[in-house]
């Protein structure tokens, strides 16, 4: 693992959060996949540099295995990044934000050999959240992708 990265556990349900863990924040994000795919194709889109090479590769591999394009799989990764930022923001209630949109480029969705997602925090995000676990759940339904993040310590 890269020395500047902190990998945090992801689980599908909050029931697996360890006893005594304190909840710092929750975040959820819903993405309309067709609209996201249109924006993804626009030259100069804000999504041009937000996904890591690993995320792009994983989305392409999943698209090849399931049909269609990678946009659906990038949409749920975008939702995960947004959900993490929202959970982090709720943990900072009544305090000024720590980072701007650059935080989205420092959150990576990775999957294990069975396709279970995790969040890998990079750079300044990892520095600001050193002892935090981010529990992640991802889902798709028709034209929508949803991510839910629970931050604990």
C-alpha atoms as a PDB file:
ATOM      1  CA  UNK A   1       0.000   0.000   0.000  1.00  0.00           C
ATOM      2  CA  UNK A   2       1.149   3.529  -0.763  1.00  0.00           C
ATOM      3  CA  UNK A   3       2.688   5.173   2.338  1.00  0.00           C
ATOM      4  CA  UNK A   4       0.432   8.227   1.884  1.00  0.00           C
ATOM      5  CA  UNK A   5      -2.734   6.095   1.916  1.00  0.00           C
ATOM      6  CA  UNK A   6      -4.853   4.861   4.752  1.00  0.00           C
ATOM      7  CA  UNK A   7      -7.216   2.038   3.909  1.00  0.00           C
ATOM      8  CA  UNK A   8     -10.376   1.979   5.978  1.00  0.00           C
ATOM      9  CA  UNK A   9     -12.776  -0.915   6.425  1.00  0.00           C
ATOM     10  CA  UNK A  10     -16.084  -0.988   4.617  1.00  0.00           C
ATOM     11  CA  UNK A  11     -19.114  -3.024   5.573  1.00  0.00           C
ATOM     12  CA  UNK A  12     -22.585  -3.408   4.169  1.00  0.00           C
ATOM     13  CA  UNK A  13     -24.513  -2.736   7.392  1.00  0.00           C
ATOM     14  CA  UNK A  14     -24.103  -0.585  10.456  1.00  0.00           C
ATOM     15  CA  UNK A  15     -24.734  -3.680  12.602  1.00  0.00           C
ATOM     16  CA  UNK A  16     -21.125  -4.689  12.068  1.00  0.00           C
ATOM     17  CA  UNK A  17     -19.742  -1.516  13.680  1.00  0.00           C
ATOM     18  CA  UNK A  18     -17.699  -2.565  16.745  1.00  0.00           C
ATOM     19  CA  UNK A  19     -19.322  -2.158  20.175  1.00  0.00           C
ATOM     20  CA  UNK A  20     -18.259   1.108  21.752  1.00  0.00           C
ATOM     21  CA  UNK A  21     -17.449   2.765  18.424  1.00  0.00           C
ATOM     22  CA  UNK A  22     -18.490   6.388  18.317  1.00  0.00           C
ATOM     23  CA  UNK A  23     -20.380   7.604  15.271  1.00  0.00           C
ATOM     24  CA  UNK A  24     -18.768  10.742  13.874  1.00  0.00           C
ATOM     25  CA  UNK A  25     -20.988  11.301  10.858  1.00  0.00           C
ATOM     26  CA  UNK A  26     -23.203   9.783   8.196  1.00  0.00           C
ATOM     27  CA  UNK A  27     -23.451  10.598   4.522  1.00  0.00           C
ATOM     28  CA  UNK A  28     -25.574   9.379   1.653  1.00  0.00           C
ATOM     29  CA  UNK A  29     -25.554  10.311  -2.018  1.00  0.00           C
ATOM     30  CA  UNK A  30     -27.883   9.376  -4.877  1.00  0.00           C
ATOM     31  CA  UNK A  31     -26.772   9.741  -8.511  1.00  0.00           C
ATOM     32  CA  UNK A  32     -28.999   9.638 -11.609  1.00  0.00           C
ATOM     33  CA  UNK A  33     -26.829   7.449 -13.839  1.00  0.00           C
ATOM     34  CA  UNK A  34     -27.960   8.708 -17.304  1.00  0.00           C
ATOM     35  CA  UNK A  35     -27.376  12.351 -16.298  1.00  0.00           C
ATOM     36  CA  UNK A  36     -24.014  11.446 -14.781  1.00  0.00           C
ATOM     37  CA  UNK A  37     -22.957   9.599 -17.954  1.00  0.00           C
ATOM     38  CA  UNK A  38     -23.860  12.669 -20.068  1.00  0.00           C
ATOM     39  CA  UNK A  39     -21.751  14.926 -17.852  1.00  0.00           C
ATOM     40  CA  UNK A  40     -18.911  12.405 -17.841  1.00  0.00           C
ATOM     41  CA  UNK A  41     -18.643  12.687 -21.641  1.00  0.00           C
ATOM     42  CA  UNK A  42     -18.464  16.492 -21.702  1.00  0.00           C
ATOM     43  CA  UNK A  43     -15.057  17.959 -22.482  1.00  0.00           C
ATOM     44  CA  UNK A  44     -13.670  19.705 -19.401  1.00  0.00           C
ATOM     45  CA  UNK A  45     -16.131  17.946 -17.107  1.00  0.00           C
ATOM     46  CA  UNK A  46     -15.413  18.137 -13.380  1.00  0.00           C
ATOM     47  CA  UNK A  47     -15.187  14.334 -13.499  1.00  0.00           C
ATOM     48  CA  UNK A  48     -12.152  14.335 -15.813  1.00  0.00           C
ATOM     49  CA  UNK A  49      -9.581  13.934 -13.040  1.00  0.00           C
ATOM     50  CA  UNK A  50     -11.628  12.832 -10.034  1.00  0.00           C
ATOM     51  CA  UNK A  51     -11.305   9.064 -10.573  1.00  0.00           C
ATOM     52  CA  UNK A  52      -8.077   7.197  -9.960  1.00  0.00           C
ATOM     53  CA  UNK A  53      -6.637   4.904 -12.647  1.00  0.00           C
ATOM     54  CA  UNK A  54      -7.666   1.959 -10.448  1.00  0.00           C
ATOM     55  CA  UNK A  55     -11.273   3.177 -10.255  1.00  0.00           C
ATOM     56  CA  UNK A  56     -11.406   3.651 -14.025  1.00  0.00           C
ATOM     57  CA  UNK A  57      -9.919   0.187 -14.593  1.00  0.00           C
ATOM     58  CA  UNK A  58     -12.347  -1.438 -12.155  1.00  0.00           C
ATOM     59  CA  UNK A  59     -15.332   0.327 -13.765  1.00  0.00           C
ATOM     60  CA  UNK A  60     -14.209  -0.801 -17.237  1.00  0.00           C
ATOM     61  CA  UNK A  61     -13.719  -4.399 -16.010  1.00  0.00           C
ATOM     62  CA  UNK A  62     -17.166  -4.455 -14.402  1.00  0.00           C
ATOM     63  CA  UNK A  63     -18.755  -3.008 -17.540  1.00  0.00           C
ATOM     64  CA  UNK A  64     -17.065  -5.675 -19.666  1.00  0.00           C
ATOM     65  CA  UNK A  65     -18.369  -8.387 -17.363  1.00  0.00           C
ATOM     66  CA  UNK A  66     -21.915  -7.033 -17.059  1.00  0.00           C
ATOM     67  CA  UNK A  67     -22.418  -5.245 -20.385  1.00  0.00           C
ATOM     68  CA  UNK A  68     -22.925  -1.551 -20.977  1.00  0.00           C
ATOM     69  CA  UNK A  69     -20.367   1.167 -20.357  1.00  0.00           C
ATOM     70  CA  UNK A  70     -18.320   2.074 -17.307  1.00  0.00           C
ATOM     71  CA  UNK A  71     -20.469   5.144 -16.502  1.00  0.00           C
ATOM     72  CA  UNK A  72     -22.823   3.195 -14.220  1.00  0.00           C
ATOM     73  CA  UNK A  73     -19.881   1.948 -12.161  1.00  0.00           C
ATOM     74  CA  UNK A  74     -18.204   5.357 -12.025  1.00  0.00           C
ATOM     75  CA  UNK A  75     -21.522   6.884 -10.920  1.00  0.00           C
ATOM     76  CA  UNK A  76     -21.647   4.734  -7.786  1.00  0.00           C
ATOM     77  CA  UNK A  77     -18.004   5.595  -7.071  1.00  0.00           C
ATOM     78  CA  UNK A  78     -18.868   9.287  -7.405  1.00  0.00           C
ATOM     79  CA  UNK A  79     -21.742   8.736  -4.954  1.00  0.00           C
ATOM     80  CA  UNK A  80     -19.284   7.089  -2.504  1.00  0.00           C
ATOM     81  CA  UNK A  81     -16.894  10.043  -2.695  1.00  0.00           C
ATOM     82  CA  UNK A  82     -19.750  12.495  -2.126  1.00  0.00           C
ATOM     83  CA  UNK A  83     -21.171  10.405   0.739  1.00  0.00           C
ATOM     84  CA  UNK A  84     -17.755  10.350   2.453  1.00  0.00           C
ATOM     85  CA  UNK A  85     -17.457  14.138   2.170  1.00  0.00           C
ATOM     86  CA  UNK A  86     -20.995  14.550   3.538  1.00  0.00           C
ATOM     87  CA  UNK A  87     -20.279  12.223   6.479  1.00  0.00           C
ATOM     88  CA  UNK A  88     -17.076  14.138   7.186  1.00  0.00           C
ATOM     89  CA  UNK A  89     -18.985  17.442   6.999  1.00  0.00           C
ATOM     90  CA  UNK A  90     -21.573  16.260   9.524  1.00  0.00           C
ATOM     91  CA  UNK A  91     -18.721  15.381  11.890  1.00  0.00           C
ATOM     92  CA  UNK A  92     -17.560  19.008  11.664  1.00  0.00           C
ATOM     93  CA  UNK A  93     -20.923  20.584  12.513  1.00  0.00           C
ATOM     94  CA  UNK A  94     -20.521  24.232  13.499  1.00  0.00           C
ATOM     95  CA  UNK A  95     -16.876  24.264  12.323  1.00  0.00           C
ATOM     96  CA  UNK A  96     -15.513  25.565   9.014  1.00  0.00           C
ATOM     97  CA  UNK A  97     -14.811  23.065   6.207  1.00  0.00           C
ATOM     98  CA  UNK A  98     -11.312  21.613   6.175  1.00  0.00           C
ATOM     99  CA  UNK A  99     -10.989  21.022   2.408  1.00  0.00           C
ATOM    100  CA  UNK A 100     -12.753  21.890  -0.819  1.00  0.00           C
ATOM    101  CA  UNK A 101     -13.492  19.778  -3.900  1.00  0.00           C
ATOM    102  CA  UNK A 102      -9.896  18.516  -3.974  1.00  0.00           C
ATOM    103  CA  UNK A 103     -11.000  16.030  -1.286  1.00  0.00           C
ATOM    104  CA  UNK A 104     -12.978  14.115  -3.933  1.00  0.00           C
ATOM    105  CA  UNK A 105      -9.741  13.233  -5.756  1.00  0.00           C
ATOM    106  CA  UNK A 106      -8.280  11.883  -2.502  1.00  0.00           C
ATOM    107  CA  UNK A 107     -10.963   9.267  -1.877  1.00  0.00           C
ATOM    108  CA  UNK A 108     -10.702   6.019  -3.823  1.00  0.00           C
ATOM    109  CA  UNK A 109     -13.199   3.159  -3.973  1.00  0.00           C
ATOM    110  CA  UNK A 110     -11.372  -0.170  -4.144  1.00  0.00           C
ATOM    111  CA  UNK A 111     -12.848  -3.666  -4.222  1.00  0.00           C
ATOM    112  CA  UNK A 112     -11.547  -6.989  -2.971  1.00  0.00           C
ATOM    113  CA  UNK A 113     -11.481 -10.201  -5.032  1.00  0.00           C
ATOM    114  CA  UNK A 114     -15.191 -10.740  -4.289  1.00  0.00           C
ATOM    115  CA  UNK A 115     -16.228  -7.221  -5.284  1.00  0.00           C
ATOM    116  CA  UNK A 116     -16.748  -5.877  -1.760  1.00  0.00           C
ATOM    117  CA  UNK A 117     -16.026  -2.125  -1.662  1.00  0.00           C
ATOM    118  CA  UNK A 118     -13.718  -0.207   0.655  1.00  0.00           C
ATOM    119  CA  UNK A 119     -12.633   3.390   0.806  1.00  0.00           C
ATOM    120  CA  UNK A 120      -8.952   4.249   0.533  1.00  0.00           C
ATOM    121  CA  UNK A 121      -8.185   7.731   1.806  1.00  0.00           C
ATOM    122  CA  UNK A 122      -5.221   9.493   0.246  1.00  0.00           C
ATOM    123  CA  UNK A 123      -3.181  12.634   0.875  1.00  0.00           C
ATOM    124  CA  UNK A 124      -4.687  15.343   3.054  1.00  0.00           C
ATOM    125  CA  UNK A 125      -7.945  13.425   3.560  1.00  0.00           C
ATOM    126  CA  UNK A 126      -5.990  10.548   5.136  1.00  0.00           C
ATOM    127  CA  UNK A 127      -4.076  13.062   7.262  1.00  0.00           C
ATOM    128  CA  UNK A 128      -7.291  14.691   8.536  1.00  0.00           C
ATOM    129  CA  UNK A 129      -9.007  11.347   9.255  1.00  0.00           C
ATOM    130  CA  UNK A 130      -6.201   9.165  10.676  1.00  0.00           C
ATOM    131  CA  UNK A 131      -8.158   7.165  13.263  1.00  0.00           C
ATOM    132  CA  UNK A 132     -11.498   7.044  11.466  1.00  0.00           C
ATOM    133  CA  UNK A 133     -13.202   4.033   9.902  1.00  0.00           C
ATOM    134  CA  UNK A 134     -15.505   4.611   6.939  1.00  0.00           C
ATOM    135  CA  UNK A 135     -18.165   1.929   6.566  1.00  0.00           C
ATOM    136  CA  UNK A 136     -19.431   1.851   2.973  1.00  0.00           C
ATOM    137  CA  UNK A 137     -22.477   0.405   1.259  1.00  0.00           C
ATOM    138  CA  UNK A 138     -23.118   0.770  -2.490  1.00  0.00           C
ATOM    139  CA  UNK A 139     -26.190  -0.118  -4.552  1.00  0.00           C
ATOM    140  CA  UNK A 140     -27.772   0.368  -7.964  1.00  0.00           C
ATOM    141  CA  UNK A 141     -31.457   0.357  -8.843  1.00  0.00           C
ATOM    142  CA  UNK A 142     -32.522   0.985 -12.421  1.00  0.00           C
ATOM    143  CA  UNK A 143     -31.160   4.438 -13.350  1.00  0.00           C
ATOM    144  CA  UNK A 144     -29.842   5.315  -9.900  1.00  0.00           C
ATOM    145  CA  UNK A 145     -26.688   4.619  -7.905  1.00  0.00           C
ATOM    146  CA  UNK A 146     -26.534   5.151  -4.160  1.00  0.00           C
ATOM    147  CA  UNK A 147     -23.739   5.169  -1.582  1.00  0.00           C
ATOM    148  CA  UNK A 148     -23.982   5.294   2.193  1.00  0.00           C
ATOM    149  CA  UNK A 149     -21.022   6.064   4.467  1.00  0.00           C
ATOM    150  CA  UNK A 150     -20.864   5.831   8.254  1.00  0.00           C
ATOM    151  CA  UNK A 151     -17.784   7.314   9.932  1.00  0.00           C
ATOM    152  CA  UNK A 152     -16.754   5.880  13.288  1.00  0.00           C
ATOM    153  CA  UNK A 153     -13.772   6.121  15.620  1.00  0.00           C
END
